[in-house]
Amino acid sequence: MKKHILCLGDSNTHGYCADPADCADRGDRFNEAERWTCRLQAALGEDYLVLEEGLSGRTTVFQDPLYEGLDALHYLWPCLKSHEPLSLLIIMLGTNDVKQRMGGASAFAISLGMRRLIQKAQTTDCWGTGKPNILIIAPLPIDKRVEQSPVAQEMGQGAVEKSRELPAQLKRVAAENEVHFLDASELGLAFNQIDFMHLTRDSHAKLAQALAGKVRELV
């Protein structure tokens, strides 16, 4: 049995590409040679199975009033059970939670949403070793220039500030719940120059490289 690495996230895990010039296929999604999840699989080799569970718009626990099924909380149990036995769960969420229409949740409230996900995962019978193994990645904070971008109204007021506050809150929650933590802002990643909130192709490569070493440490 290969070691199952489940990557649960939003559009930056799905591989959304806002700049067609940055994508080999000139589409709106990075291909299998570009996405960080696929590059992580290539780096880890045949003893691992990296499972992509990225969904554009996904939140931790907040239900989007415009689109159904975007909160990770209600999807988590069937997702974990579908991919068991798991060796490691990687969660990179929080960016969509800062949208103004999510009830104006603060960074602290969003971290409580992450705490719910952690605790639910820890109590789900899906772990190959019997012991939960979870890595929380704090997303790269949104660039201030998003406020003059085509998605400015989509994000709403206060999104940038909350995204900047979120890493510290997620680090605290990770420590309190005894799970692993990684801050994406420490990896030299960058956003495209169109919407300023989706990773570039080069940043997908950098994230995969950083995670390859981290996964080997944890699994």
N, C-alpha and C. Protein backbone atom coordinates (compact mmCIF):
# COMPACT_ATOMS: atom_id res chain seq x y z
N MET A 1 0.84 -1.19 0.00
CA MET A 1 0.00 0.00 0.00
C MET A 1 0.87 1.25 0.00
N LYS A 2 0.59 2.16 -0.90
CA LYS A 2 1.31 3.42 -0.93
C LYS A 2 0.90 4.30 0.25
N LYS A 3 1.71 5.29 0.54
CA LYS A 3 1.38 6.25 1.59
C LYS A 3 0.46 7.31 1.00
N HIS A 4 -0.74 7.42 1.52
CA HIS A 4 -1.75 8.33 0.97
C HIS A 4 -1.59 9.73 1.58
N ILE A 5 -1.35 10.71 0.72
CA ILE A 5 -1.20 12.11 1.14
C ILE A 5 -2.38 12.88 0.56
N LEU A 6 -3.30 13.30 1.39
CA LEU A 6 -4.52 13.98 0.94
C LEU A 6 -4.34 15.49 1.06
N CYS A 7 -4.50 16.19 -0.07
CA CYS A 7 -4.33 17.65 -0.12
C CYS A 7 -5.70 18.31 -0.26
N LEU A 8 -6.19 18.89 0.82
CA LEU A 8 -7.50 19.51 0.85
C LEU A 8 -7.35 21.02 0.80
N GLY A 9 -7.92 21.65 -0.24
CA GLY A 9 -7.75 23.09 -0.35
C GLY A 9 -8.75 23.74 -1.27
N ASP A 10 -8.41 24.94 -1.71
CA ASP A 10 -9.30 25.72 -2.56
C ASP A 10 -8.72 25.82 -3.97
N SER A 11 -8.90 26.95 -4.63
CA SER A 11 -8.45 27.09 -6.01
C SER A 11 -6.94 27.01 -6.16
N ASN A 12 -6.20 27.37 -5.13
CA ASN A 12 -4.74 27.26 -5.22
C ASN A 12 -4.26 25.83 -5.04
N THR A 13 -5.14 24.94 -4.63
CA THR A 13 -4.86 23.51 -4.65
C THR A 13 -5.41 22.88 -5.93
N HIS A 14 -6.56 23.36 -6.37
CA HIS A 14 -7.13 22.90 -7.64
C HIS A 14 -6.23 23.27 -8.81
N GLY A 15 -5.50 24.39 -8.67
CA GLY A 15 -4.58 24.81 -9.71
C GLY A 15 -5.12 25.87 -10.63
N TYR A 16 -6.00 26.72 -10.11
CA TYR A 16 -6.57 27.78 -10.94
C TYR A 16 -5.48 28.72 -11.43
N CYS A 17 -5.54 29.05 -12.72
CA CYS A 17 -4.57 29.95 -13.34
C CYS A 17 -5.31 31.18 -13.87
N ALA A 18 -5.09 32.32 -13.24
CA ALA A 18 -5.77 33.54 -13.65
C ALA A 18 -5.09 34.23 -14.83
N ASP A 19 -3.88 33.82 -15.12
CA ASP A 19 -3.10 34.43 -16.19
C ASP A 19 -2.79 33.37 -17.25
N PRO A 20 -3.55 33.32 -18.33
CA PRO A 20 -3.33 32.29 -19.37
C PRO A 20 -1.90 32.26 -19.90
N ALA A 21 -1.22 33.39 -19.86
CA ALA A 21 0.16 33.45 -20.34
C ALA A 21 1.11 32.66 -19.43
N ASP A 22 0.68 32.36 -18.23
CA ASP A 22 1.51 31.64 -17.27
C ASP A 22 1.26 30.14 -17.32
N CYS A 23 0.26 29.70 -18.10
CA CYS A 23 -0.12 28.29 -18.17
C CYS A 23 0.34 27.70 -19.50
N ALA A 24 0.92 26.52 -19.46
CA ALA A 24 1.39 25.89 -20.68
C ALA A 24 0.26 25.64 -21.66
N ASP A 25 -0.93 25.32 -21.13
CA ASP A 25 -2.06 25.02 -22.00
C ASP A 25 -2.94 26.23 -22.30
N ARG A 26 -2.52 27.39 -21.80
CA ARG A 26 -3.25 28.65 -22.04
C ARG A 26 -4.70 28.57 -21.60
N GLY A 27 -4.97 27.80 -20.56
CA GLY A 27 -6.32 27.68 -20.04
C GLY A 27 -6.44 28.34 -18.69
N ASP A 28 -7.44 27.92 -17.91
CA ASP A 28 -7.63 28.52 -16.58
C ASP A 28 -7.26 27.56 -15.46
N ARG A 29 -6.55 26.47 -15.83
CA ARG A 29 -6.04 25.55 -14.81
C ARG A 29 -4.66 25.06 -15.22
N PHE A 30 -3.74 25.08 -14.27
CA PHE A 30 -2.43 24.52 -14.53
C PHE A 30 -2.54 23.03 -14.82
N ASN A 31 -1.72 22.52 -15.71
CA ASN A 31 -1.81 21.12 -16.06
C ASN A 31 -1.05 20.24 -15.06
N GLU A 32 -1.00 18.95 -15.36
CA GLU A 32 -0.43 17.99 -14.42
C GLU A 32 1.08 18.13 -14.25
N ALA A 33 1.72 18.83 -15.15
CA ALA A 33 3.15 19.09 -15.01
C ALA A 33 3.42 20.38 -14.23
N GLU A 34 2.36 21.12 -13.92
CA GLU A 34 2.51 22.44 -13.30
C GLU A 34 1.94 22.52 -11.89
N ARG A 35 0.82 21.85 -11.62
CA ARG A 35 0.16 21.98 -10.31
C ARG A 35 1.06 21.46 -9.19
N TRP A 36 1.01 22.14 -8.05
CA TRP A 36 1.89 21.73 -6.95
C TRP A 36 1.59 20.33 -6.46
N THR A 37 0.33 19.93 -6.49
CA THR A 37 -0.02 18.58 -6.05
C THR A 37 0.62 17.52 -6.94
N CYS A 38 0.57 17.73 -8.24
CA CYS A 38 1.15 16.78 -9.18
C CYS A 38 2.67 16.81 -9.12
N ARG A 39 3.23 17.98 -8.96
CA ARG A 39 4.68 18.09 -8.83
C ARG A 39 5.15 17.44 -7.52
N LEU A 40 4.33 17.54 -6.48
CA LEU A 40 4.66 16.86 -5.22
C LEU A 40 4.67 15.35 -5.43
N GLN A 41 3.70 14.84 -6.16
CA GLN A 41 3.67 13.42 -6.47
C GLN A 41 4.95 12.99 -7.19
N ALA A 42 5.35 13.77 -8.18
CA ALA A 42 6.55 13.44 -8.94
C ALA A 42 7.80 13.44 -8.05
N ALA A 43 7.86 14.40 -7.13
CA ALA A 43 9.02 14.52 -6.25
C ALA A 43 9.09 13.38 -5.24
N LEU A 44 7.93 12.95 -4.75
CA LEU A 44 7.90 11.91 -3.72
C LEU A 44 8.13 10.52 -4.28
N GLY A 45 7.67 10.28 -5.49
CA GLY A 45 7.91 8.98 -6.10
C GLY A 45 6.80 7.97 -5.89
N GLU A 46 7.05 6.74 -6.30
CA GLU A 46 6.03 5.71 -6.39
C GLU A 46 5.56 5.16 -5.05
N ASP A 47 6.28 5.45 -3.98
CA ASP A 47 5.85 4.95 -2.67
C ASP A 47 4.73 5.79 -2.07
N TYR A 48 4.40 6.90 -2.74
CA TYR A 48 3.38 7.82 -2.24
C TYR A 48 2.26 7.97 -3.27
N LEU A 49 1.06 8.27 -2.78
CA LEU A 49 -0.07 8.62 -3.63
C LEU A 49 -0.61 9.96 -3.15
N VAL A 50 -0.40 10.99 -3.96
CA VAL A 50 -0.87 12.34 -3.61
C VAL A 50 -2.26 12.52 -4.19
N LEU A 51 -3.21 12.81 -3.32
CA LEU A 51 -4.63 12.89 -3.69
C LEU A 51 -5.06 14.35 -3.74
N GLU A 52 -5.51 14.80 -4.90
CA GLU A 52 -5.93 16.19 -5.10
C GLU A 52 -7.38 16.38 -4.67
N GLU A 53 -7.59 17.26 -3.74
CA GLU A 53 -8.95 17.62 -3.31
C GLU A 53 -9.04 19.13 -3.20
N GLY A 54 -8.81 19.81 -4.33
CA GLY A 54 -8.92 21.26 -4.40
C GLY A 54 -10.23 21.67 -5.05
N LEU A 55 -10.87 22.68 -4.51
CA LEU A 55 -12.14 23.18 -5.04
C LEU A 55 -12.14 24.70 -4.97
N SER A 56 -12.32 25.35 -6.10
CA SER A 56 -12.36 26.81 -6.13
C SER A 56 -13.50 27.33 -5.26
N GLY A 57 -13.18 28.29 -4.40
CA GLY A 57 -14.19 28.87 -3.53
C GLY A 57 -14.35 28.18 -2.20
N ARG A 58 -13.65 27.07 -1.97
CA ARG A 58 -13.85 26.32 -0.73
C ARG A 58 -13.44 27.13 0.50
N THR A 59 -14.23 27.01 1.55
CA THR A 59 -13.97 27.63 2.85
C THR A 59 -13.69 26.55 3.88
N THR A 60 -13.40 26.97 5.11
CA THR A 60 -13.26 26.01 6.20
C THR A 60 -14.64 25.50 6.60
N VAL A 61 -15.44 26.36 7.21
CA VAL A 61 -16.76 25.94 7.70
C VAL A 61 -17.89 26.85 7.23
N PHE A 62 -17.55 27.98 6.62
CA PHE A 62 -18.57 28.97 6.29
C PHE A 62 -19.27 28.61 4.98
N GLN A 63 -20.61 28.65 5.00
CA GLN A 63 -21.39 28.34 3.81
C GLN A 63 -21.56 29.60 2.98
N ASP A 64 -21.14 29.53 1.74
CA ASP A 64 -21.26 30.65 0.83
C ASP A 64 -22.74 30.84 0.48
N PRO A 65 -23.29 32.04 0.68
CA PRO A 65 -24.72 32.26 0.40
C PRO A 65 -25.05 32.20 -1.09
N LEU A 66 -24.04 32.22 -1.95
CA LEU A 66 -24.28 32.21 -3.39
C LEU A 66 -24.11 30.84 -4.03
N TYR A 67 -23.24 30.00 -3.43
CA TYR A 67 -22.93 28.71 -4.04
C TYR A 67 -22.95 27.62 -2.98
N GLU A 68 -23.57 26.50 -3.31
CA GLU A 68 -23.69 25.42 -2.34
C GLU A 68 -22.45 24.52 -2.34
N GLY A 69 -22.26 23.85 -1.21
CA GLY A 69 -21.24 22.80 -1.12
C GLY A 69 -19.81 23.25 -1.03
N LEU A 70 -19.55 24.49 -0.64
CA LEU A 70 -18.19 24.99 -0.65
C LEU A 70 -17.49 24.91 0.71
N ASP A 71 -18.20 24.59 1.77
CA ASP A 71 -17.53 24.49 3.07
C ASP A 71 -16.92 23.10 3.23
N ALA A 72 -15.69 23.07 3.70
CA ALA A 72 -14.98 21.80 3.85
C ALA A 72 -15.55 20.94 4.96
N LEU A 73 -16.20 21.55 5.94
CA LEU A 73 -16.66 20.80 7.10
C LEU A 73 -17.61 19.66 6.72
N HIS A 74 -18.59 19.95 5.86
CA HIS A 74 -19.57 18.92 5.52
C HIS A 74 -19.03 17.91 4.50
N TYR A 75 -17.93 18.23 3.87
CA TYR A 75 -17.32 17.33 2.90
C TYR A 75 -16.22 16.47 3.52
N LEU A 76 -15.75 16.87 4.68
CA LEU A 76 -14.54 16.28 5.24
C LEU A 76 -14.67 14.79 5.53
N TRP A 77 -15.72 14.38 6.20
CA TRP A 77 -15.84 12.96 6.57
C TRP A 77 -15.86 12.04 5.35
N PRO A 78 -16.75 12.27 4.37
CA PRO A 78 -16.71 11.39 3.20
C PRO A 78 -15.41 11.47 2.43
N CYS A 79 -14.77 12.63 2.43
CA CYS A 79 -13.49 12.79 1.74
C CYS A 79 -12.42 11.93 2.41
N LEU A 80 -12.33 12.02 3.72
CA LEU A 80 -11.33 11.24 4.45
C LEU A 80 -11.57 9.74 4.30
N LYS A 81 -12.83 9.35 4.39
CA LYS A 81 -13.17 7.92 4.29
C LYS A 81 -12.95 7.39 2.88
N SER A 82 -13.16 8.24 1.88
CA SER A 82 -12.96 7.81 0.49
C SER A 82 -11.51 7.48 0.21
N HIS A 83 -10.60 8.19 0.88
CA HIS A 83 -9.19 8.05 0.57
C HIS A 83 -8.41 7.28 1.63
N GLU A 84 -9.10 6.69 2.61
CA GLU A 84 -8.38 5.95 3.64
C GLU A 84 -7.71 4.70 3.05
N PRO A 85 -6.63 4.22 3.69
CA PRO A 85 -6.00 4.75 4.91
C PRO A 85 -5.07 5.93 4.59
N LEU A 86 -5.16 6.96 5.39
CA LEU A 86 -4.35 8.16 5.17
C LEU A 86 -3.07 8.12 5.99
N SER A 87 -2.01 8.61 5.38
CA SER A 87 -0.75 8.80 6.09
C SER A 87 -0.58 10.24 6.53
N LEU A 88 -1.16 11.17 5.72
CA LEU A 88 -1.04 12.60 6.04
C LEU A 88 -2.17 13.36 5.37
N LEU A 89 -2.76 14.29 6.11
CA LEU A 89 -3.75 15.22 5.59
C LEU A 89 -3.13 16.61 5.57
N ILE A 90 -3.09 17.23 4.39
CA ILE A 90 -2.61 18.60 4.26
C ILE A 90 -3.80 19.50 3.99
N ILE A 91 -4.00 20.52 4.82
CA ILE A 91 -5.11 21.46 4.64
C ILE A 91 -4.54 22.85 4.39
N MET A 92 -4.90 23.43 3.26
CA MET A 92 -4.53 24.82 2.97
C MET A 92 -5.81 25.58 2.60
N LEU A 93 -6.41 26.20 3.59
CA LEU A 93 -7.68 26.90 3.43
C LEU A 93 -7.67 28.20 4.25
N GLY A 94 -8.61 29.07 3.94
CA GLY A 94 -8.77 30.31 4.69
C GLY A 94 -8.92 31.53 3.82
N THR A 95 -8.42 31.46 2.59
CA THR A 95 -8.49 32.63 1.71
C THR A 95 -9.92 33.02 1.38
N ASN A 96 -10.76 32.05 1.05
CA ASN A 96 -12.15 32.37 0.70
C ASN A 96 -12.98 32.78 1.92
N ASP A 97 -12.53 32.37 3.10
CA ASP A 97 -13.24 32.74 4.33
C ASP A 97 -13.20 34.24 4.58
N VAL A 98 -12.21 34.93 4.01
CA VAL A 98 -12.09 36.36 4.28
C VAL A 98 -13.02 37.20 3.41
N LYS A 99 -13.75 36.59 2.48
CA LYS A 99 -14.69 37.34 1.66
C LYS A 99 -15.72 38.04 2.54
N GLN A 100 -16.08 39.22 2.16
CA GLN A 100 -17.01 40.02 2.97
C GLN A 100 -18.35 39.32 3.16
N ARG A 101 -18.80 38.58 2.15
CA ARG A 101 -20.12 37.94 2.23
C ARG A 101 -20.17 36.74 3.16
N MET A 102 -19.03 36.31 3.70
CA MET A 102 -19.02 35.22 4.67
C MET A 102 -19.31 35.73 6.08
N GLY A 103 -20.21 36.68 6.16
CA GLY A 103 -20.62 37.18 7.46
C GLY A 103 -19.58 38.07 8.12
N GLY A 104 -18.56 38.49 7.36
CA GLY A 104 -17.54 39.35 7.94
C GLY A 104 -16.72 38.67 9.01
N ALA A 105 -16.50 37.36 8.88
CA ALA A 105 -15.75 36.61 9.90
C ALA A 105 -14.34 37.16 10.05
N SER A 106 -13.90 37.31 11.28
CA SER A 106 -12.55 37.79 11.58
C SER A 106 -11.55 36.67 11.36
N ALA A 107 -10.26 37.02 11.36
CA ALA A 107 -9.23 36.01 11.25
C ALA A 107 -9.30 35.02 12.40
N PHE A 108 -9.64 35.51 13.58
CA PHE A 108 -9.79 34.62 14.73
C PHE A 108 -10.93 33.63 14.51
N ALA A 109 -12.06 34.11 14.00
CA ALA A 109 -13.20 33.22 13.73
C ALA A 109 -12.85 32.19 12.67
N ILE A 110 -12.11 32.61 11.66
CA ILE A 110 -11.69 31.67 10.61
C ILE A 110 -10.79 30.60 11.20
N SER A 111 -9.94 30.98 12.13
CA SER A 111 -9.07 29.99 12.77
C SER A 111 -9.88 28.98 13.58
N LEU A 112 -11.00 29.42 14.12
CA LEU A 112 -11.87 28.49 14.84
C LEU A 112 -12.52 27.51 13.86
N GLY A 113 -12.77 27.98 12.64
CA GLY A 113 -13.25 27.08 11.60
C GLY A 113 -12.21 26.02 11.28
N MET A 114 -10.96 26.42 11.21
CA MET A 114 -9.89 25.45 10.99
C MET A 114 -9.80 24.47 12.14
N ARG A 115 -9.99 24.98 13.35
CA ARG A 115 -9.96 24.09 14.51
C ARG A 115 -11.03 23.01 14.40
N ARG A 116 -12.21 23.36 13.93
CA ARG A 116 -13.27 22.36 13.75
C ARG A 116 -12.85 21.29 12.75
N LEU A 117 -12.21 21.72 11.67
CA LEU A 117 -11.75 20.74 10.68
C LEU A 117 -10.70 19.81 11.28
N ILE A 118 -9.75 20.39 12.00
CA ILE A 118 -8.70 19.58 12.62
C ILE A 118 -9.30 18.55 13.56
N GLN A 119 -10.19 18.99 14.42
CA GLN A 119 -10.76 18.09 15.42
C GLN A 119 -11.63 17.01 14.79
N LYS A 120 -12.33 17.36 13.71
CA LYS A 120 -13.13 16.36 13.02
C LYS A 120 -12.23 15.33 12.35
N ALA A 121 -11.16 15.79 11.74
CA ALA A 121 -10.23 14.87 11.10
C ALA A 121 -9.55 13.96 12.12
N GLN A 122 -9.21 14.53 13.26
CA GLN A 122 -8.54 13.75 14.29
C GLN A 122 -9.42 12.63 14.84
N THR A 123 -10.73 12.82 14.80
CA THR A 123 -11.65 11.82 15.36
C THR A 123 -12.30 10.94 14.31
N THR A 124 -11.85 11.05 13.07
CA THR A 124 -12.37 10.20 12.00
C THR A 124 -11.47 8.98 11.85
N ASP A 125 -12.08 7.82 11.76
CA ASP A 125 -11.35 6.56 11.64
C ASP A 125 -10.89 6.37 10.19
N CYS A 126 -9.75 6.97 9.87
CA CYS A 126 -9.25 6.91 8.49
C CYS A 126 -7.74 6.80 8.42
N TRP A 127 -7.10 6.70 9.58
CA TRP A 127 -5.65 6.80 9.64
C TRP A 127 -5.00 5.43 9.59
N GLY A 128 -4.13 5.23 8.63
CA GLY A 128 -3.49 3.94 8.45
C GLY A 128 -2.69 3.48 9.65
N THR A 129 -2.04 4.41 10.33
CA THR A 129 -1.24 4.07 11.50
C THR A 129 -2.07 4.11 12.78
N GLY A 130 -3.29 4.60 12.67
CA GLY A 130 -4.13 4.75 13.85
C GLY A 130 -3.96 6.09 14.53
N LYS A 131 -2.94 6.85 14.14
CA LYS A 131 -2.67 8.15 14.75
C LYS A 131 -2.84 9.25 13.72
N PRO A 132 -3.68 10.26 14.00
CA PRO A 132 -3.87 11.37 13.06
C PRO A 132 -2.56 12.08 12.75
N ASN A 133 -2.40 12.46 11.49
CA ASN A 133 -1.19 13.15 11.04
C ASN A 133 -1.64 14.27 10.10
N ILE A 134 -1.61 15.51 10.59
CA ILE A 134 -2.21 16.64 9.87
C ILE A 134 -1.20 17.78 9.76
N LEU A 135 -1.13 18.36 8.57
CA LEU A 135 -0.31 19.54 8.33
C LEU A 135 -1.20 20.68 7.87
N ILE A 136 -1.17 21.78 8.60
CA ILE A 136 -1.91 22.98 8.24
C ILE A 136 -0.96 23.95 7.53
N ILE A 137 -1.36 24.40 6.35
CA ILE A 137 -0.58 25.42 5.64
C ILE A 137 -1.36 26.73 5.66
N ALA A 138 -0.76 27.76 6.22
CA ALA A 138 -1.37 29.09 6.18
C ALA A 138 -1.20 29.65 4.78
N PRO A 139 -2.29 30.00 4.10
CA PRO A 139 -2.16 30.50 2.73
C PRO A 139 -1.37 31.81 2.66
N LEU A 140 -0.76 32.03 1.52
CA LEU A 140 -0.08 33.31 1.28
C LEU A 140 -1.11 34.44 1.38
N PRO A 141 -0.86 35.47 2.21
CA PRO A 141 -1.81 36.57 2.33
C PRO A 141 -2.07 37.26 1.00
N ILE A 142 -3.29 37.69 0.79
CA ILE A 142 -3.69 38.34 -0.46
C ILE A 142 -2.93 39.65 -0.62
N ASP A 143 -2.50 39.91 -1.85
CA ASP A 143 -1.79 41.15 -2.18
C ASP A 143 -2.77 42.33 -2.14
N LYS A 144 -2.32 43.45 -1.60
CA LYS A 144 -3.14 44.65 -1.49
C LYS A 144 -3.69 45.10 -2.85
N ARG A 145 -2.96 44.80 -3.92
CA ARG A 145 -3.38 45.22 -5.25
C ARG A 145 -4.64 44.52 -5.74
N VAL A 146 -5.11 43.51 -5.01
CA VAL A 146 -6.36 42.86 -5.36
C VAL A 146 -7.51 43.86 -5.36
N GLU A 147 -7.37 44.92 -4.57
CA GLU A 147 -8.44 45.91 -4.43
C GLU A 147 -8.64 46.74 -5.69
N GLN A 148 -7.69 46.69 -6.61
CA GLN A 148 -7.85 47.34 -7.91
C GLN A 148 -7.94 46.32 -9.04
N SER A 149 -8.17 45.07 -8.69
CA SER A 149 -8.19 43.99 -9.68
C SER A 149 -9.63 43.65 -10.07
N PRO A 150 -9.82 42.78 -11.06
CA PRO A 150 -11.17 42.38 -11.48
C PRO A 150 -11.96 41.64 -10.40
N VAL A 151 -11.28 41.13 -9.36
CA VAL A 151 -11.99 40.38 -8.32
C VAL A 151 -12.19 41.21 -7.04
N ALA A 152 -11.98 42.50 -7.13
CA ALA A 152 -12.09 43.35 -5.94
C ALA A 152 -13.45 43.24 -5.28
N GLN A 153 -14.52 43.31 -6.05
CA GLN A 153 -15.86 43.24 -5.47
C GLN A 153 -16.19 41.84 -4.99
N GLU A 154 -15.62 40.84 -5.63
CA GLU A 154 -15.82 39.46 -5.20
C GLU A 154 -15.30 39.26 -3.77
N MET A 155 -14.16 39.85 -3.46
CA MET A 155 -13.58 39.69 -2.12
C MET A 155 -14.20 40.63 -1.10
N GLY A 156 -14.50 41.87 -1.51
CA GLY A 156 -15.14 42.82 -0.61
C GLY A 156 -14.16 43.49 0.34
N GLN A 157 -14.70 44.30 1.21
CA GLN A 157 -13.89 45.09 2.12
C GLN A 157 -13.29 44.21 3.23
N GLY A 158 -12.08 44.57 3.61
CA GLY A 158 -11.43 43.92 4.75
C GLY A 158 -10.73 42.61 4.45
N ALA A 159 -10.83 42.11 3.22
CA ALA A 159 -10.28 40.80 2.90
C ALA A 159 -8.76 40.76 3.05
N VAL A 160 -8.09 41.79 2.55
CA VAL A 160 -6.63 41.81 2.59
C VAL A 160 -6.13 41.81 4.02
N GLU A 161 -6.70 42.66 4.84
CA GLU A 161 -6.26 42.77 6.24
C GLU A 161 -6.46 41.45 6.99
N LYS A 162 -7.60 40.82 6.78
CA LYS A 162 -7.86 39.55 7.48
C LYS A 162 -6.92 38.46 7.00
N SER A 163 -6.61 38.45 5.71
CA SER A 163 -5.71 37.42 5.20
C SER A 163 -4.30 37.58 5.78
N ARG A 164 -3.92 38.83 6.08
CA ARG A 164 -2.61 39.08 6.68
C ARG A 164 -2.58 38.64 8.15
N GLU A 165 -3.71 38.70 8.81
CA GLU A 165 -3.79 38.30 10.22
C GLU A 165 -3.92 36.79 10.39
N LEU A 166 -4.33 36.12 9.33
CA LEU A 166 -4.69 34.71 9.43
C LEU A 166 -3.52 33.78 9.77
N PRO A 167 -2.32 33.92 9.18
CA PRO A 167 -1.24 32.97 9.51
C PRO A 167 -0.95 32.83 11.00
N ALA A 168 -0.91 33.94 11.72
CA ALA A 168 -0.63 33.87 13.15
C ALA A 168 -1.74 33.13 13.89
N GLN A 169 -2.99 33.35 13.47
CA GLN A 169 -4.11 32.68 14.10
C GLN A 169 -4.08 31.17 13.81
N LEU A 170 -3.75 30.82 12.58
CA LEU A 170 -3.68 29.40 12.23
C LEU A 170 -2.52 28.70 12.93
N LYS A 171 -1.42 29.42 13.08
CA LYS A 171 -0.28 28.85 13.81
C LYS A 171 -0.67 28.53 15.25
N ARG A 172 -1.42 29.45 15.86
CA ARG A 172 -1.86 29.23 17.24
C ARG A 172 -2.77 28.00 17.33
N VAL A 173 -3.73 27.90 16.43
CA VAL A 173 -4.67 26.77 16.44
C VAL A 173 -3.93 25.46 16.20
N ALA A 174 -2.97 25.47 15.29
CA ALA A 174 -2.20 24.26 15.03
C ALA A 174 -1.46 23.80 16.28
N ALA A 175 -0.85 24.75 16.98
CA ALA A 175 -0.11 24.41 18.20
C ALA A 175 -1.06 23.89 19.28
N GLU A 176 -2.19 24.54 19.44
CA GLU A 176 -3.15 24.12 20.47
C GLU A 176 -3.70 22.73 20.21
N ASN A 177 -3.77 22.33 18.95
CA ASN A 177 -4.34 21.03 18.60
C ASN A 177 -3.28 20.01 18.21
N GLU A 178 -2.02 20.36 18.42
CA GLU A 178 -0.89 19.46 18.25
C GLU A 178 -0.81 18.87 16.85
N VAL A 179 -0.95 19.76 15.85
CA VAL A 179 -0.76 19.35 14.46
C VAL A 179 0.39 20.17 13.87
N HIS A 180 0.88 19.75 12.74
CA HIS A 180 2.01 20.42 12.10
C HIS A 180 1.55 21.70 11.40
N PHE A 181 2.49 22.62 11.22
CA PHE A 181 2.14 23.92 10.64
C PHE A 181 3.24 24.39 9.69
N LEU A 182 2.81 25.03 8.60
CA LEU A 182 3.73 25.64 7.64
C LEU A 182 3.12 26.94 7.16
N ASP A 183 3.91 28.00 7.15
CA ASP A 183 3.46 29.31 6.70
C ASP A 183 3.94 29.53 5.27
N ALA A 184 2.99 29.59 4.32
CA ALA A 184 3.36 29.72 2.91
C ALA A 184 4.10 31.01 2.62
N SER A 185 3.93 32.03 3.46
CA SER A 185 4.60 33.31 3.22
C SER A 185 6.11 33.22 3.44
N GLU A 186 6.58 32.12 4.00
CA GLU A 186 8.01 31.94 4.25
C GLU A 186 8.70 31.16 3.14
N LEU A 187 7.96 30.85 2.07
CA LEU A 187 8.49 29.98 1.02
C LEU A 187 8.88 30.72 -0.26
N GLY A 188 8.78 32.04 -0.26
CA GLY A 188 9.14 32.81 -1.44
C GLY A 188 8.15 32.69 -2.58
N LEU A 189 6.88 32.51 -2.26
CA LEU A 189 5.84 32.36 -3.27
C LEU A 189 5.35 33.72 -3.74
N ALA A 190 4.70 33.74 -4.91
CA ALA A 190 4.19 34.98 -5.47
C ALA A 190 2.87 34.73 -6.18
N PHE A 191 2.07 35.80 -6.29
CA PHE A 191 0.80 35.75 -7.00
C PHE A 191 0.96 36.29 -8.42
N ASN A 192 0.03 35.92 -9.28
CA ASN A 192 0.00 36.48 -10.63
C ASN A 192 -0.33 37.99 -10.55
N GLN A 193 -0.14 38.67 -11.66
CA GLN A 193 -0.32 40.12 -11.71
C GLN A 193 -1.66 40.53 -12.29
N ILE A 194 -2.62 39.62 -12.23
CA ILE A 194 -3.98 39.92 -12.70
C ILE A 194 -4.96 40.01 -11.53
N ASP A 195 -5.04 38.95 -10.72
CA ASP A 195 -5.96 39.02 -9.58
C ASP A 195 -5.25 39.08 -8.24
N PHE A 196 -3.93 38.88 -8.23
CA PHE A 196 -3.10 39.06 -7.04
C PHE A 196 -3.50 38.16 -5.88
N MET A 197 -4.07 36.99 -6.18
CA MET A 197 -4.43 36.06 -5.11
C MET A 197 -4.33 34.59 -5.52
N HIS A 198 -3.83 34.34 -6.73
CA HIS A 198 -3.60 32.96 -7.16
C HIS A 198 -2.13 32.79 -7.51
N LEU A 199 -1.58 31.66 -7.11
CA LEU A 199 -0.16 31.40 -7.25
C LEU A 199 0.26 31.28 -8.71
N THR A 200 1.48 31.72 -8.99
CA THR A 200 2.06 31.57 -10.31
C THR A 200 2.53 30.13 -10.52
N ARG A 201 2.85 29.81 -11.76
CA ARG A 201 3.38 28.48 -12.07
C ARG A 201 4.67 28.23 -11.30
N ASP A 202 5.54 29.22 -11.25
CA ASP A 202 6.79 29.07 -10.52
C ASP A 202 6.54 28.83 -9.03
N SER A 203 5.51 29.47 -8.49
CA SER A 203 5.21 29.29 -7.07
C SER A 203 4.64 27.90 -6.79
N HIS A 204 3.90 27.34 -7.73
CA HIS A 204 3.46 25.95 -7.58
C HIS A 204 4.67 25.04 -7.46
N ALA A 205 5.68 25.29 -8.27
CA ALA A 205 6.91 24.48 -8.22
C ALA A 205 7.63 24.64 -6.88
N LYS A 206 7.71 25.87 -6.39
CA LYS A 206 8.37 26.13 -5.11
C LYS A 206 7.63 25.47 -3.95
N LEU A 207 6.29 25.55 -3.99
CA LEU A 207 5.50 24.94 -2.92
C LEU A 207 5.69 23.43 -2.92
N ALA A 208 5.67 22.82 -4.08
CA ALA A 208 5.87 21.37 -4.18
C ALA A 208 7.24 20.97 -3.65
N GLN A 209 8.25 21.75 -3.99
CA GLN A 209 9.60 21.44 -3.53
C GLN A 209 9.71 21.51 -2.01
N ALA A 210 9.11 22.54 -1.42
CA ALA A 210 9.14 22.68 0.03
C ALA A 210 8.38 21.55 0.71
N LEU A 211 7.25 21.19 0.13
CA LEU A 211 6.41 20.16 0.73
C LEU A 211 7.01 18.77 0.59
N ALA A 212 7.77 18.53 -0.46
CA ALA A 212 8.37 17.21 -0.63
C ALA A 212 9.26 16.86 0.56
N GLY A 213 10.08 17.82 0.97
CA GLY A 213 10.92 17.60 2.13
C GLY A 213 10.11 17.47 3.41
N LYS A 214 9.08 18.31 3.52
CA LYS A 214 8.25 18.29 4.73
C LYS A 214 7.50 16.99 4.87
N VAL A 215 6.95 16.49 3.77
CA VAL A 215 6.18 15.25 3.80
C VAL A 215 7.09 14.09 4.22
N ARG A 216 8.28 14.05 3.70
CA ARG A 216 9.20 12.96 4.07
C ARG A 216 9.53 13.01 5.56
N GLU A 217 9.56 14.20 6.13
CA GLU A 217 9.80 14.32 7.56
C GLU A 217 8.63 13.76 8.38
N LEU A 218 7.41 13.96 7.86
CA LEU A 218 6.21 13.66 8.64
C LEU A 218 5.65 12.27 8.41
N VAL A 219 6.03 11.65 7.32
CA VAL A 219 5.45 10.33 6.98
C VAL A 219 6.55 9.27 6.96
